[in-house]
Amino acid sequence: LELKRMSVSREHRGRGLARALCREVLGFARARGYGAVVLSTSMVQVAAQRLYEGQGFRRVGTSYPSLLGTALNFQIFHYRCDLGDGT
């Protein structure tokens, strides 16, 4: 399952909503038999990286979004959370 574009509005940040949303996605995927959840985030989204790593995601790769991104060394980080069999 791919998690795309998860965001919490600025005025609601710091309340644990992103953690709760992430746990909900992982539970949803696990309950439906998915083996993993994957996502991508940029190098500048440090809070997002900490959130995902804290939820069990591990960085599995990096890429550049474009030629300009390569020239600017702007990286996209790819993450994966293996779900196992839920037992």
N, C-alpha and C. Protein backbone atom coordinates (compact mmCIF):
# COMPACT_ATOMS: atom_id res chain seq x y z
N LEU A 1 0.85 -1.16 0.00
CA LEU A 1 0.00 0.00 0.00
C LEU A 1 0.90 1.22 0.00
N GLU A 2 0.56 2.22 -0.79
CA GLU A 2 1.35 3.45 -0.82
C GLU A 2 0.61 4.57 -0.10
N LEU A 3 1.28 5.18 0.85
CA LEU A 3 0.76 6.34 1.56
C LEU A 3 1.22 7.58 0.80
N LYS A 4 0.27 8.38 0.34
CA LYS A 4 0.61 9.58 -0.43
C LYS A 4 -0.04 10.81 0.18
N ARG A 5 0.75 11.84 0.29
CA ARG A 5 0.27 13.18 0.63
C ARG A 5 -0.46 13.27 1.98
N MET A 6 0.07 12.67 3.00
CA MET A 6 -0.52 12.83 4.32
C MET A 6 -0.08 14.19 4.87
N SER A 7 -1.03 14.96 5.36
CA SER A 7 -0.71 16.27 5.88
C SER A 7 -1.71 16.66 6.96
N VAL A 8 -1.22 17.37 7.96
CA VAL A 8 -2.07 17.93 9.00
C VAL A 8 -1.92 19.45 8.91
N SER A 9 -3.03 20.14 8.91
CA SER A 9 -2.97 21.60 8.78
C SER A 9 -2.15 22.20 9.93
N ARG A 10 -1.50 23.28 9.62
CA ARG A 10 -0.57 23.92 10.55
C ARG A 10 -1.21 24.19 11.92
N GLU A 11 -2.46 24.65 11.92
CA GLU A 11 -3.10 24.99 13.20
C GLU A 11 -3.44 23.78 14.06
N HIS A 12 -3.36 22.58 13.50
CA HIS A 12 -3.67 21.37 14.26
C HIS A 12 -2.43 20.51 14.54
N ARG A 13 -1.27 20.98 14.18
CA ARG A 13 -0.05 20.21 14.41
C ARG A 13 0.33 20.22 15.88
N GLY A 14 1.12 19.22 16.25
CA GLY A 14 1.61 19.13 17.63
C GLY A 14 0.64 18.46 18.58
N ARG A 15 -0.42 17.87 18.06
CA ARG A 15 -1.44 17.22 18.89
C ARG A 15 -1.43 15.70 18.74
N GLY A 16 -0.50 15.17 17.97
CA GLY A 16 -0.43 13.72 17.78
C GLY A 16 -1.31 13.21 16.66
N LEU A 17 -1.90 14.11 15.88
CA LEU A 17 -2.79 13.69 14.81
C LEU A 17 -2.06 12.91 13.72
N ALA A 18 -0.88 13.36 13.34
CA ALA A 18 -0.13 12.67 12.29
C ALA A 18 0.24 11.26 12.74
N ARG A 19 0.65 11.12 13.99
CA ARG A 19 0.96 9.78 14.53
C ARG A 19 -0.28 8.90 14.49
N ALA A 20 -1.41 9.45 14.89
CA ALA A 20 -2.65 8.68 14.90
C ALA A 20 -3.06 8.29 13.48
N LEU A 21 -2.93 9.22 12.54
CA LEU A 21 -3.25 8.91 11.14
C LEU A 21 -2.34 7.81 10.61
N CYS A 22 -1.07 7.91 10.93
CA CYS A 22 -0.10 6.91 10.46
C CYS A 22 -0.43 5.54 11.04
N ARG A 23 -0.73 5.48 12.33
CA ARG A 23 -1.12 4.21 12.96
C ARG A 23 -2.37 3.64 12.30
N GLU A 24 -3.31 4.52 11.97
CA GLU A 24 -4.56 4.09 11.33
C GLU A 24 -4.27 3.48 9.95
N VAL A 25 -3.40 4.12 9.18
CA VAL A 25 -3.03 3.60 7.86
C VAL A 25 -2.37 2.23 8.01
N LEU A 26 -1.44 2.11 8.96
CA LEU A 26 -0.77 0.83 9.16
C LEU A 26 -1.76 -0.26 9.57
N GLY A 27 -2.69 0.08 10.46
CA GLY A 27 -3.71 -0.88 10.87
C GLY A 27 -4.63 -1.26 9.71
N PHE A 28 -5.02 -0.29 8.91
CA PHE A 28 -5.86 -0.52 7.74
C PHE A 28 -5.17 -1.49 6.78
N ALA A 29 -3.89 -1.21 6.50
CA ALA A 29 -3.14 -2.05 5.56
C ALA A 29 -2.96 -3.46 6.11
N ARG A 30 -2.62 -3.56 7.39
CA ARG A 30 -2.41 -4.87 8.02
C ARG A 30 -3.70 -5.69 7.99
N ALA A 31 -4.84 -5.05 8.32
CA ALA A 31 -6.12 -5.75 8.36
C ALA A 31 -6.55 -6.26 7.00
N ARG A 32 -6.05 -5.65 5.96
CA ARG A 32 -6.43 -6.05 4.60
C ARG A 32 -5.38 -6.92 3.92
N GLY A 33 -4.38 -7.34 4.68
CA GLY A 33 -3.42 -8.29 4.18
C GLY A 33 -2.25 -7.72 3.40
N TYR A 34 -2.06 -6.41 3.44
CA TYR A 34 -0.90 -5.84 2.77
C TYR A 34 0.36 -6.24 3.53
N GLY A 35 1.43 -6.46 2.79
CA GLY A 35 2.68 -6.84 3.42
C GLY A 35 3.53 -5.67 3.86
N ALA A 36 3.27 -4.49 3.28
CA ALA A 36 4.10 -3.33 3.59
C ALA A 36 3.36 -2.06 3.20
N VAL A 37 3.79 -0.97 3.80
CA VAL A 37 3.34 0.37 3.40
C VAL A 37 4.60 1.11 2.96
N VAL A 38 4.52 1.78 1.82
CA VAL A 38 5.64 2.54 1.30
C VAL A 38 5.22 4.00 1.16
N LEU A 39 6.20 4.90 1.19
CA LEU A 39 5.95 6.32 1.02
C LEU A 39 7.24 7.02 0.64
N SER A 40 7.10 8.25 0.21
CA SER A 40 8.26 9.09 -0.11
C SER A 40 8.08 10.45 0.54
N THR A 41 9.18 11.05 0.95
CA THR A 41 9.16 12.40 1.50
C THR A 41 10.47 13.08 1.12
N SER A 42 10.49 14.38 1.15
CA SER A 42 11.70 15.09 0.72
C SER A 42 12.68 15.26 1.87
N MET A 43 13.89 15.57 1.51
CA MET A 43 14.96 15.73 2.48
C MET A 43 14.71 16.88 3.45
N VAL A 44 13.90 17.85 3.07
CA VAL A 44 13.66 19.00 3.94
C VAL A 44 12.53 18.75 4.94
N GLN A 45 11.80 17.69 4.77
CA GLN A 45 10.69 17.38 5.67
C GLN A 45 11.18 16.51 6.83
N VAL A 46 12.01 17.12 7.67
CA VAL A 46 12.67 16.40 8.75
C VAL A 46 11.66 15.89 9.77
N ALA A 47 10.64 16.67 10.10
CA ALA A 47 9.63 16.22 11.06
C ALA A 47 8.91 14.98 10.52
N ALA A 48 8.62 14.97 9.23
CA ALA A 48 7.96 13.81 8.62
C ALA A 48 8.87 12.59 8.69
N GLN A 49 10.15 12.78 8.43
CA GLN A 49 11.09 11.66 8.51
C GLN A 49 11.09 11.08 9.92
N ARG A 50 11.13 11.94 10.93
CA ARG A 50 11.12 11.47 12.33
C ARG A 50 9.82 10.73 12.64
N LEU A 51 8.70 11.27 12.16
CA LEU A 51 7.41 10.63 12.38
C LEU A 51 7.42 9.22 11.80
N TYR A 52 7.80 9.10 10.54
CA TYR A 52 7.75 7.79 9.88
C TYR A 52 8.71 6.81 10.51
N GLU A 53 9.92 7.26 10.82
CA GLU A 53 10.89 6.37 11.45
C GLU A 53 10.40 5.92 12.83
N GLY A 54 9.72 6.81 13.54
CA GLY A 54 9.16 6.47 14.84
C GLY A 54 8.00 5.48 14.76
N GLN A 55 7.40 5.36 13.60
CA GLN A 55 6.29 4.43 13.39
C GLN A 55 6.75 3.10 12.79
N GLY A 56 8.07 2.95 12.63
CA GLY A 56 8.60 1.68 12.15
C GLY A 56 9.02 1.65 10.69
N PHE A 57 8.92 2.79 10.01
CA PHE A 57 9.38 2.84 8.63
C PHE A 57 10.91 2.91 8.61
N ARG A 58 11.49 2.35 7.56
CA ARG A 58 12.94 2.47 7.38
C ARG A 58 13.21 3.01 5.99
N ARG A 59 14.24 3.82 5.90
CA ARG A 59 14.60 4.40 4.61
C ARG A 59 15.20 3.31 3.73
N VAL A 60 14.66 3.17 2.53
CA VAL A 60 15.11 2.11 1.63
C VAL A 60 15.73 2.64 0.35
N GLY A 61 15.77 3.95 0.19
CA GLY A 61 16.39 4.50 -1.01
C GLY A 61 16.22 6.00 -1.09
N THR A 62 16.90 6.56 -2.07
CA THR A 62 16.80 7.99 -2.36
C THR A 62 16.74 8.17 -3.87
N SER A 63 16.17 9.28 -4.27
CA SER A 63 16.14 9.63 -5.69
C SER A 63 16.10 11.15 -5.81
N TYR A 64 16.18 11.62 -7.03
CA TYR A 64 16.08 13.04 -7.33
C TYR A 64 14.84 13.25 -8.17
N PRO A 65 14.05 14.30 -7.87
CA PRO A 65 12.79 14.48 -8.58
C PRO A 65 12.94 14.97 -10.02
N SER A 66 14.11 15.52 -10.35
CA SER A 66 14.31 16.09 -11.68
C SER A 66 15.79 16.36 -11.89
N LEU A 67 16.12 16.80 -13.08
CA LEU A 67 17.50 17.19 -13.37
C LEU A 67 17.90 18.38 -12.48
N LEU A 68 16.98 19.33 -12.31
CA LEU A 68 17.26 20.46 -11.43
C LEU A 68 17.47 19.97 -10.00
N GLY A 69 16.64 19.03 -9.56
CA GLY A 69 16.81 18.46 -8.24
C GLY A 69 18.17 17.83 -8.06
N THR A 70 18.65 17.16 -9.10
CA THR A 70 19.98 16.56 -9.07
C THR A 70 21.04 17.64 -8.94
N ALA A 71 20.92 18.71 -9.73
CA ALA A 71 21.89 19.80 -9.69
C ALA A 71 21.92 20.47 -8.32
N LEU A 72 20.76 20.55 -7.68
CA LEU A 72 20.66 21.20 -6.37
C LEU A 72 20.86 20.21 -5.21
N ASN A 73 21.08 18.94 -5.55
CA ASN A 73 21.21 17.87 -4.56
C ASN A 73 19.97 17.79 -3.66
N PHE A 74 18.79 17.95 -4.27
CA PHE A 74 17.53 17.86 -3.55
C PHE A 74 17.02 16.43 -3.67
N GLN A 75 17.04 15.72 -2.56
CA GLN A 75 16.73 14.30 -2.59
C GLN A 75 15.32 14.00 -2.08
N ILE A 76 14.77 12.94 -2.63
CA ILE A 76 13.53 12.35 -2.15
C ILE A 76 13.92 11.05 -1.44
N PHE A 77 13.44 10.88 -0.23
CA PHE A 77 13.73 9.67 0.54
C PHE A 77 12.54 8.72 0.44
N HIS A 78 12.83 7.46 0.20
CA HIS A 78 11.80 6.43 0.08
C HIS A 78 11.83 5.56 1.33
N TYR A 79 10.65 5.34 1.89
CA TYR A 79 10.51 4.58 3.12
C TYR A 79 9.61 3.38 2.93
N ARG A 80 9.80 2.39 3.79
CA ARG A 80 8.99 1.17 3.76
C ARG A 80 8.78 0.70 5.19
N CYS A 81 7.57 0.27 5.48
CA CYS A 81 7.25 -0.36 6.76
C CYS A 81 6.69 -1.74 6.48
N ASP A 82 7.46 -2.77 6.80
CA ASP A 82 6.99 -4.14 6.62
C ASP A 82 6.01 -4.47 7.72
N LEU A 83 4.88 -5.06 7.35
CA LEU A 83 3.80 -5.30 8.30
C LEU A 83 3.81 -6.70 8.86
N GLY A 84 4.46 -7.63 8.23
CA GLY A 84 4.44 -9.01 8.72
C GLY A 84 3.05 -9.58 8.59
N ASP A 85 2.77 -10.60 9.35
CA ASP A 85 1.46 -11.26 9.24
C ASP A 85 0.48 -10.77 10.30
N GLY A 86 0.89 -9.78 11.10
CA GLY A 86 -0.01 -9.21 12.09
C GLY A 86 -0.13 -9.99 13.38
N THR A 87 0.68 -11.04 13.53
CA THR A 87 0.59 -11.83 14.77
C THR A 87 1.63 -11.39 15.76
